[in-house]
């Protein structure tokens, strides 16, 4: 097993069967020691965050499979904090797809002249480039196509899947008295198909309960238990 990529919150290994292994870390994104799923740097380390992220990711990938959503998920190994996944190639050097139900975070910072904090957004989807140097700039459909990062058809598939996935997760979180404000997803190409990749954990979504943000480990306990 060979490590081929060292990420902020996960490392990636290539397996002999052609699949990949994602090993979850206890690092989470944030700024100055404060958790922020929209940040592009590791802000703090939370003991148990890796296993918690894996457990929540497993819960949601299995939920999506039951609802006909294709992902790269194969199986999880909680003992080793790892998940086996199918091979897929990212778009360009990586895209982040954000689905917003409430105006918070970078959306509010950019559009605060017109938006109010916490105002409703109807599953608004925006895409940003994975580019730490340029602070993950937003990019439009036409720019994505012009730069040959993805086609118009792939863009439409990606947006439609994002809305379906995000609404399924939002409805699931309602069962635990939680409100999904926004969520960050990643997609890749598997052959000619656009499929969901990476993870779905408390580290890439903002969830509120009783008008207070739910931290990643607290979200794991709410959804999948101790």
C-alpha atoms as a PDB file:
ATOM      1  CA  UNK A   1       0.000   0.000   0.000  1.00  0.00           C
ATOM      2  CA  UNK A   2       1.516   3.271  -1.152  1.00  0.00           C
ATOM      3  CA  UNK A   3       0.607   6.748   0.052  1.00  0.00           C
ATOM      4  CA  UNK A   4      -0.005   8.925  -2.981  1.00  0.00           C
ATOM      5  CA  UNK A   5      -1.446  12.057  -1.375  1.00  0.00           C
ATOM      6  CA  UNK A   6      -1.215  13.783   2.004  1.00  0.00           C
ATOM      7  CA  UNK A   7      -4.233  16.005   2.599  1.00  0.00           C
ATOM      8  CA  UNK A   8      -5.356  18.369   5.340  1.00  0.00           C
ATOM      9  CA  UNK A   9      -7.799  15.952   6.948  1.00  0.00           C
ATOM     10  CA  UNK A  10      -7.100  12.662   5.093  1.00  0.00           C
ATOM     11  CA  UNK A  11      -4.263  10.744   3.472  1.00  0.00           C
ATOM     12  CA  UNK A  12      -4.814   8.699   0.300  1.00  0.00           C
ATOM     13  CA  UNK A  13      -3.234   5.303  -0.411  1.00  0.00           C
ATOM     14  CA  UNK A  14      -3.341   3.140  -3.534  1.00  0.00           C
ATOM     15  CA  UNK A  15      -4.435  -0.472  -3.041  1.00  0.00           C
ATOM     16  CA  UNK A  16      -3.340  -3.508  -5.037  1.00  0.00           C
ATOM     17  CA  UNK A  17      -6.917  -4.136  -6.259  1.00  0.00           C
ATOM     18  CA  UNK A  18      -6.980  -0.771  -8.061  1.00  0.00           C
ATOM     19  CA  UNK A  19      -9.078   0.945  -5.399  1.00  0.00           C
ATOM     20  CA  UNK A  20      -7.938   3.663  -3.004  1.00  0.00           C
ATOM     21  CA  UNK A  21      -7.857   3.923   0.779  1.00  0.00           C
ATOM     22  CA  UNK A  22      -8.712   7.154   2.607  1.00  0.00           C
ATOM     23  CA  UNK A  23      -7.238   7.407   6.117  1.00  0.00           C
ATOM     24  CA  UNK A  24      -9.038   9.964   8.272  1.00  0.00           C
ATOM     25  CA  UNK A  25      -7.053  12.284  10.560  1.00  0.00           C
ATOM     26  CA  UNK A  26      -8.042  14.176  13.695  1.00  0.00           C
ATOM     27  CA  UNK A  27      -7.258  17.497  11.981  1.00  0.00           C
ATOM     28  CA  UNK A  28     -10.129  19.805  10.994  1.00  0.00           C
ATOM     29  CA  UNK A  29     -10.225  23.044   9.022  1.00  0.00           C
ATOM     30  CA  UNK A  30     -10.517  26.370  10.781  1.00  0.00           C
ATOM     31  CA  UNK A  31      -8.842  29.662  11.644  1.00  0.00           C
ATOM     32  CA  UNK A  32      -7.029  30.560  14.860  1.00  0.00           C
ATOM     33  CA  UNK A  33      -8.169  27.406  16.609  1.00  0.00           C
ATOM     34  CA  UNK A  34     -11.841  27.869  15.696  1.00  0.00           C
ATOM     35  CA  UNK A  35     -13.597  25.234  13.555  1.00  0.00           C
ATOM     36  CA  UNK A  36     -14.752  26.523  10.151  1.00  0.00           C
ATOM     37  CA  UNK A  37     -15.782  24.086   7.383  1.00  0.00           C
ATOM     38  CA  UNK A  38     -15.216  26.812   4.813  1.00  0.00           C
ATOM     39  CA  UNK A  39     -11.572  27.386   5.737  1.00  0.00           C
ATOM     40  CA  UNK A  40      -8.782  26.045   3.522  1.00  0.00           C
ATOM     41  CA  UNK A  41      -6.231  25.478   6.279  1.00  0.00           C
ATOM     42  CA  UNK A  42      -6.059  23.104   9.233  1.00  0.00           C
ATOM     43  CA  UNK A  43      -7.132  25.163  12.220  1.00  0.00           C
ATOM     44  CA  UNK A  44      -7.087  22.635  15.035  1.00  0.00           C
ATOM     45  CA  UNK A  45      -6.852  18.990  15.996  1.00  0.00           C
ATOM     46  CA  UNK A  46      -9.802  17.326  17.745  1.00  0.00           C
ATOM     47  CA  UNK A  47      -9.183  13.961  19.369  1.00  0.00           C
ATOM     48  CA  UNK A  48     -11.549  11.454  17.772  1.00  0.00           C
ATOM     49  CA  UNK A  49     -12.434  13.677  14.804  1.00  0.00           C
ATOM     50  CA  UNK A  50     -11.002  11.198  12.292  1.00  0.00           C
ATOM     51  CA  UNK A  51     -13.055   8.221  13.453  1.00  0.00           C
ATOM     52  CA  UNK A  52     -16.088  10.429  13.933  1.00  0.00           C
ATOM     53  CA  UNK A  53     -15.777  11.770  10.400  1.00  0.00           C
ATOM     54  CA  UNK A  54     -15.485   8.250   9.051  1.00  0.00           C
ATOM     55  CA  UNK A  55     -18.561   7.039  10.948  1.00  0.00           C
ATOM     56  CA  UNK A  56     -20.686   9.962   9.763  1.00  0.00           C
ATOM     57  CA  UNK A  57     -19.387   9.604   6.209  1.00  0.00           C
ATOM     58  CA  UNK A  58     -20.295   5.911   6.248  1.00  0.00           C
ATOM     59  CA  UNK A  59     -23.782   6.744   7.515  1.00  0.00           C
ATOM     60  CA  UNK A  60     -24.406   9.217   4.711  1.00  0.00           C
ATOM     61  CA  UNK A  61     -22.823   7.254   1.865  1.00  0.00           C
ATOM     62  CA  UNK A  62     -25.000   4.279   2.818  1.00  0.00           C
ATOM     63  CA  UNK A  63     -28.069   6.549   3.025  1.00  0.00           C
ATOM     64  CA  UNK A  64     -27.311   7.923  -0.442  1.00  0.00           C
ATOM     65  CA  UNK A  65     -26.864   4.432  -1.882  1.00  0.00           C
ATOM     66  CA  UNK A  66     -30.346   3.525  -0.635  1.00  0.00           C
ATOM     67  CA  UNK A  67     -31.660   6.565  -2.515  1.00  0.00           C
ATOM     68  CA  UNK A  68     -29.979   5.724  -5.809  1.00  0.00           C
ATOM     69  CA  UNK A  69     -27.057   8.140  -5.594  1.00  0.00           C
ATOM     70  CA  UNK A  70     -23.777   6.832  -7.010  1.00  0.00           C
ATOM     71  CA  UNK A  71     -20.617   7.479  -4.977  1.00  0.00           C
ATOM     72  CA  UNK A  72     -17.079   6.129  -4.753  1.00  0.00           C
ATOM     73  CA  UNK A  73     -17.799   4.379  -1.436  1.00  0.00           C
ATOM     74  CA  UNK A  74     -16.953   0.655  -1.122  1.00  0.00           C
ATOM     75  CA  UNK A  75     -16.564  -0.103   2.594  1.00  0.00           C
ATOM     76  CA  UNK A  76     -15.264   1.297   5.879  1.00  0.00           C
ATOM     77  CA  UNK A  77     -12.821  -0.028   8.472  1.00  0.00           C
ATOM     78  CA  UNK A  78     -13.453   1.775  11.743  1.00  0.00           C
ATOM     79  CA  UNK A  79     -10.559   0.025  13.511  1.00  0.00           C
ATOM     80  CA  UNK A  80      -8.083   1.589  11.083  1.00  0.00           C
ATOM     81  CA  UNK A  81      -9.977   4.863  10.571  1.00  0.00           C
ATOM     82  CA  UNK A  82     -10.092   4.168   6.846  1.00  0.00           C
ATOM     83  CA  UNK A  83     -12.497   3.887   3.924  1.00  0.00           C
ATOM     84  CA  UNK A  84     -12.005   1.962   0.679  1.00  0.00           C
ATOM     85  CA  UNK A  85     -13.212   3.812  -2.399  1.00  0.00           C
ATOM     86  CA  UNK A  86     -13.438   3.361  -6.162  1.00  0.00           C
ATOM     87  CA  UNK A  87     -10.993   5.230  -8.405  1.00  0.00           C
ATOM     88  CA  UNK A  88     -12.169   8.562  -9.779  1.00  0.00           C
ATOM     89  CA  UNK A  89     -10.431  11.585 -11.255  1.00  0.00           C
ATOM     90  CA  UNK A  90     -11.095  15.083  -9.972  1.00  0.00           C
ATOM     91  CA  UNK A  91     -12.085  17.987 -12.198  1.00  0.00           C
ATOM     92  CA  UNK A  92      -9.013  20.079 -12.939  1.00  0.00           C
ATOM     93  CA  UNK A  93      -7.020  20.165  -9.710  1.00  0.00           C
ATOM     94  CA  UNK A  94     -10.176  19.821  -7.643  1.00  0.00           C
ATOM     95  CA  UNK A  95     -13.481  21.624  -7.176  1.00  0.00           C
ATOM     96  CA  UNK A  96     -15.525  22.274  -4.055  1.00  0.00           C
ATOM     97  CA  UNK A  97     -19.281  22.355  -4.523  1.00  0.00           C
ATOM     98  CA  UNK A  98     -21.227  24.199  -1.836  1.00  0.00           C
ATOM     99  CA  UNK A  99     -24.969  23.921  -1.334  1.00  0.00           C
ATOM    100  CA  UNK A 100     -26.370  26.723   0.817  1.00  0.00           C
ATOM    101  CA  UNK A 101     -29.671  26.749   2.671  1.00  0.00           C
ATOM    102  CA  UNK A 102     -28.791  29.767   4.846  1.00  0.00           C
ATOM    103  CA  UNK A 103     -26.633  32.847   4.280  1.00  0.00           C
ATOM    104  CA  UNK A 104     -23.544  32.404   6.454  1.00  0.00           C
ATOM    105  CA  UNK A 105     -19.768  32.062   6.115  1.00  0.00           C
ATOM    106  CA  UNK A 106     -18.036  33.203   2.937  1.00  0.00           C
ATOM    107  CA  UNK A 107     -21.371  33.817   1.179  1.00  0.00           C
ATOM    108  CA  UNK A 108     -22.268  36.422   3.795  1.00  0.00           C
ATOM    109  CA  UNK A 109     -18.774  37.938   3.729  1.00  0.00           C
ATOM    110  CA  UNK A 110     -18.983  38.394  -0.049  1.00  0.00           C
ATOM    111  CA  UNK A 111     -22.603  39.469  -0.343  1.00  0.00           C
ATOM    112  CA  UNK A 112     -23.252  41.123   2.998  1.00  0.00           C
ATOM    113  CA  UNK A 113     -24.332  44.317   1.272  1.00  0.00           C
ATOM    114  CA  UNK A 114     -27.439  42.472   0.095  1.00  0.00           C
ATOM    115  CA  UNK A 115     -27.730  39.372   2.290  1.00  0.00           C
ATOM    116  CA  UNK A 116     -28.682  39.116   5.938  1.00  0.00           C
ATOM    117  CA  UNK A 117     -27.115  36.540   8.230  1.00  0.00           C
ATOM    118  CA  UNK A 118     -29.175  33.371   8.365  1.00  0.00           C
ATOM    119  CA  UNK A 119     -31.594  34.340   5.599  1.00  0.00           C
ATOM    120  CA  UNK A 120     -33.049  31.435   3.643  1.00  0.00           C
ATOM    121  CA  UNK A 121     -31.400  30.304   0.415  1.00  0.00           C
ATOM    122  CA  UNK A 122     -33.157  27.718  -1.744  1.00  0.00           C
ATOM    123  CA  UNK A 123     -30.398  25.087  -2.039  1.00  0.00           C
ATOM    124  CA  UNK A 124     -28.170  27.653  -3.746  1.00  0.00           C
ATOM    125  CA  UNK A 125     -25.198  25.905  -5.378  1.00  0.00           C
ATOM    126  CA  UNK A 126     -21.848  27.535  -6.029  1.00  0.00           C
ATOM    127  CA  UNK A 127     -18.533  26.072  -7.105  1.00  0.00           C
ATOM    128  CA  UNK A 128     -15.054  27.114  -6.029  1.00  0.00           C
ATOM    129  CA  UNK A 129     -11.632  26.084  -7.264  1.00  0.00           C
ATOM    130  CA  UNK A 130      -9.374  24.221  -4.865  1.00  0.00           C
ATOM    131  CA  UNK A 131      -6.647  26.852  -4.847  1.00  0.00           C
ATOM    132  CA  UNK A 132      -5.213  27.791  -1.459  1.00  0.00           C
ATOM    133  CA  UNK A 133      -2.999  30.521  -2.963  1.00  0.00           C
ATOM    134  CA  UNK A 134      -6.065  32.343  -4.320  1.00  0.00           C
ATOM    135  CA  UNK A 135      -8.308  31.467  -1.368  1.00  0.00           C
ATOM    136  CA  UNK A 136     -10.531  29.050  -3.327  1.00  0.00           C
ATOM    137  CA  UNK A 137     -12.147  31.549  -5.736  1.00  0.00           C
ATOM    138  CA  UNK A 138     -15.733  30.969  -6.946  1.00  0.00           C
ATOM    139  CA  UNK A 139     -16.037  30.040 -10.607  1.00  0.00           C
ATOM    140  CA  UNK A 140     -18.983  30.170 -13.015  1.00  0.00           C
ATOM    141  CA  UNK A 141     -20.384  27.498 -15.326  1.00  0.00           C
ATOM    142  CA  UNK A 142     -19.106  29.290 -18.410  1.00  0.00           C
ATOM    143  CA  UNK A 143     -15.621  29.724 -16.952  1.00  0.00           C
ATOM    144  CA  UNK A 144     -15.466  26.035 -16.037  1.00  0.00           C
ATOM    145  CA  UNK A 145     -16.330  25.103 -19.609  1.00  0.00           C
ATOM    146  CA  UNK A 146     -14.034  27.714 -21.194  1.00  0.00           C
ATOM    147  CA  UNK A 147     -11.096  26.444 -19.119  1.00  0.00           C
ATOM    148  CA  UNK A 148     -11.958  22.819 -20.028  1.00  0.00           C
ATOM    149  CA  UNK A 149     -12.349  21.850 -16.377  1.00  0.00           C
ATOM    150  CA  UNK A 150     -15.720  20.260 -17.067  1.00  0.00           C
ATOM    151  CA  UNK A 151     -18.379  20.282 -19.761  1.00  0.00           C
ATOM    152  CA  UNK A 152     -21.785  21.969 -19.593  1.00  0.00           C
ATOM    153  CA  UNK A 153     -23.400  18.525 -19.339  1.00  0.00           C
ATOM    154  CA  UNK A 154     -21.130  17.562 -16.429  1.00  0.00           C
ATOM    155  CA  UNK A 155     -21.920  20.871 -14.740  1.00  0.00           C
ATOM    156  CA  UNK A 156     -25.678  20.259 -14.931  1.00  0.00           C
ATOM    157  CA  UNK A 157     -25.238  16.720 -13.572  1.00  0.00           C
ATOM    158  CA  UNK A 158     -23.052  17.984 -10.735  1.00  0.00           C
ATOM    159  CA  UNK A 159     -25.532  20.696  -9.688  1.00  0.00           C
ATOM    160  CA  UNK A 160     -28.546  18.369  -9.858  1.00  0.00           C
ATOM    161  CA  UNK A 161     -26.758  15.733  -7.779  1.00  0.00           C
ATOM    162  CA  UNK A 162     -25.611  18.346  -5.270  1.00  0.00           C
ATOM    163  CA  UNK A 163     -29.180  19.523  -4.651  1.00  0.00           C
ATOM    164  CA  UNK A 164     -30.510  15.965  -4.306  1.00  0.00           C
ATOM    165  CA  UNK A 165     -27.711  14.879  -1.964  1.00  0.00           C
ATOM    166  CA  UNK A 166     -27.918  18.017   0.168  1.00  0.00           C
ATOM    167  CA  UNK A 167     -31.696  17.780   0.541  1.00  0.00           C
ATOM    168  CA  UNK A 168     -31.452  14.100   1.569  1.00  0.00           C
ATOM    169  CA  UNK A 169     -28.901  15.014   4.239  1.00  0.00           C
ATOM    170  CA  UNK A 170     -30.952  18.015   5.347  1.00  0.00           C
ATOM    171  CA  UNK A 171     -34.029  15.809   5.810  1.00  0.00           C
ATOM    172  CA  UNK A 172     -32.020  13.213   7.732  1.00  0.00           C
ATOM    173  CA  UNK A 173     -30.641  15.864  10.080  1.00  0.00           C
ATOM    174  CA  UNK A 174     -34.192  17.040  10.833  1.00  0.00           C
ATOM    175  CA  UNK A 175     -34.728  13.683  12.559  1.00  0.00           C
ATOM    176  CA  UNK A 176     -32.193  14.790  15.160  1.00  0.00           C
ATOM    177  CA  UNK A 177     -33.587  18.290  15.622  1.00  0.00           C
ATOM    178  CA  UNK A 178     -30.843  19.813  13.486  1.00  0.00           C
ATOM    179  CA  UNK A 179     -30.845  22.366  10.670  1.00  0.00           C
ATOM    180  CA  UNK A 180     -28.356  22.169   7.798  1.00  0.00           C
ATOM    181  CA  UNK A 181     -27.098  25.639   6.887  1.00  0.00           C
ATOM    182  CA  UNK A 182     -24.618  24.632   4.203  1.00  0.00           C
ATOM    183  CA  UNK A 183     -22.536  21.682   3.031  1.00  0.00           C
ATOM    184  CA  UNK A 184     -19.410  21.284   0.920  1.00  0.00           C
ATOM    185  CA  UNK A 185     -19.190  18.307  -1.463  1.00  0.00           C
ATOM    186  CA  UNK A 186     -16.674  16.997  -3.986  1.00  0.00           C
ATOM    187  CA  UNK A 187     -17.252  15.135  -7.234  1.00  0.00           C
ATOM    188  CA  UNK A 188     -15.118  13.249  -9.735  1.00  0.00           C
ATOM    189  CA  UNK A 189     -15.271  11.323 -12.985  1.00  0.00           C
ATOM    190  CA  UNK A 190     -15.651   7.557 -12.887  1.00  0.00           C
ATOM    191  CA  UNK A 191     -15.508   6.617 -16.545  1.00  0.00           C
ATOM    192  CA  UNK A 192     -18.065   8.913 -18.156  1.00  0.00           C
ATOM    193  CA  UNK A 193     -20.110   9.412 -14.975  1.00  0.00           C
ATOM    194  CA  UNK A 194     -20.014  12.240 -12.442  1.00  0.00           C
ATOM    195  CA  UNK A 195     -20.079  10.721  -8.940  1.00  0.00           C
ATOM    196  CA  UNK A 196     -19.762  11.952  -5.371  1.00  0.00           C
ATOM    197  CA  UNK A 197     -16.312  11.442  -3.825  1.00  0.00           C
ATOM    198  CA  UNK A 198     -14.358  12.391  -0.679  1.00  0.00           C
ATOM    199  CA  UNK A 199     -16.378  12.486   2.569  1.00  0.00           C
ATOM    200  CA  UNK A 200     -19.601  13.739   4.165  1.00  0.00           C
ATOM    201  CA  UNK A 201     -18.785  14.606   7.755  1.00  0.00           C
ATOM    202  CA  UNK A 202     -19.207  17.309  10.341  1.00  0.00           C
ATOM    203  CA  UNK A 203     -16.012  18.848   9.026  1.00  0.00           C
ATOM    204  CA  UNK A 204     -17.610  19.921   5.745  1.00  0.00           C
ATOM    205  CA  UNK A 205     -21.024  21.154   6.820  1.00  0.00           C
ATOM    206  CA  UNK A 206     -22.550  23.767   9.108  1.00  0.00           C
ATOM    207  CA  UNK A 207     -25.290  22.287  11.246  1.00  0.00           C
ATOM    208  CA  UNK A 208     -27.276  24.136  13.912  1.00  0.00           C
ATOM    209  CA  UNK A 209     -29.434  22.894  16.772  1.00  0.00           C
ATOM    210  CA  UNK A 210     -31.394  25.306  18.960  1.00  0.00           C
ATOM    211  CA  UNK A 211     -29.749  28.143  16.980  1.00  0.00           C
ATOM    212  CA  UNK A 212     -26.241  27.051  18.034  1.00  0.00           C
ATOM    213  CA  UNK A 213     -23.664  25.473  15.734  1.00  0.00           C
ATOM    214  CA  UNK A 214     -23.078  21.775  16.307  1.00  0.00           C
ATOM    215  CA  UNK A 215     -19.382  20.885  16.472  1.00  0.00           C
ATOM    216  CA  UNK A 216     -18.179  17.876  14.422  1.00  0.00           C
ATOM    217  CA  UNK A 217     -17.927  15.351  17.271  1.00  0.00           C
ATOM    218  CA  UNK A 218     -21.228  16.458  18.774  1.00  0.00           C
ATOM    219  CA  UNK A 219     -22.854  15.897  15.385  1.00  0.00           C
ATOM    220  CA  UNK A 220     -21.471  12.355  15.241  1.00  0.00           C
ATOM    221  CA  UNK A 221     -22.975  11.583  18.643  1.00  0.00           C
ATOM    222  CA  UNK A 222     -26.340  12.985  17.576  1.00  0.00           C
ATOM    223  CA  UNK A 223     -26.546  11.069  14.299  1.00  0.00           C
ATOM    224  CA  UNK A 224     -24.711   7.772  14.853  1.00  0.00           C
ATOM    225  CA  UNK A 225     -24.348   7.621  18.653  1.00  0.00           C
ATOM    226  CA  UNK A 226     -21.338   7.197  20.909  1.00  0.00           C
END
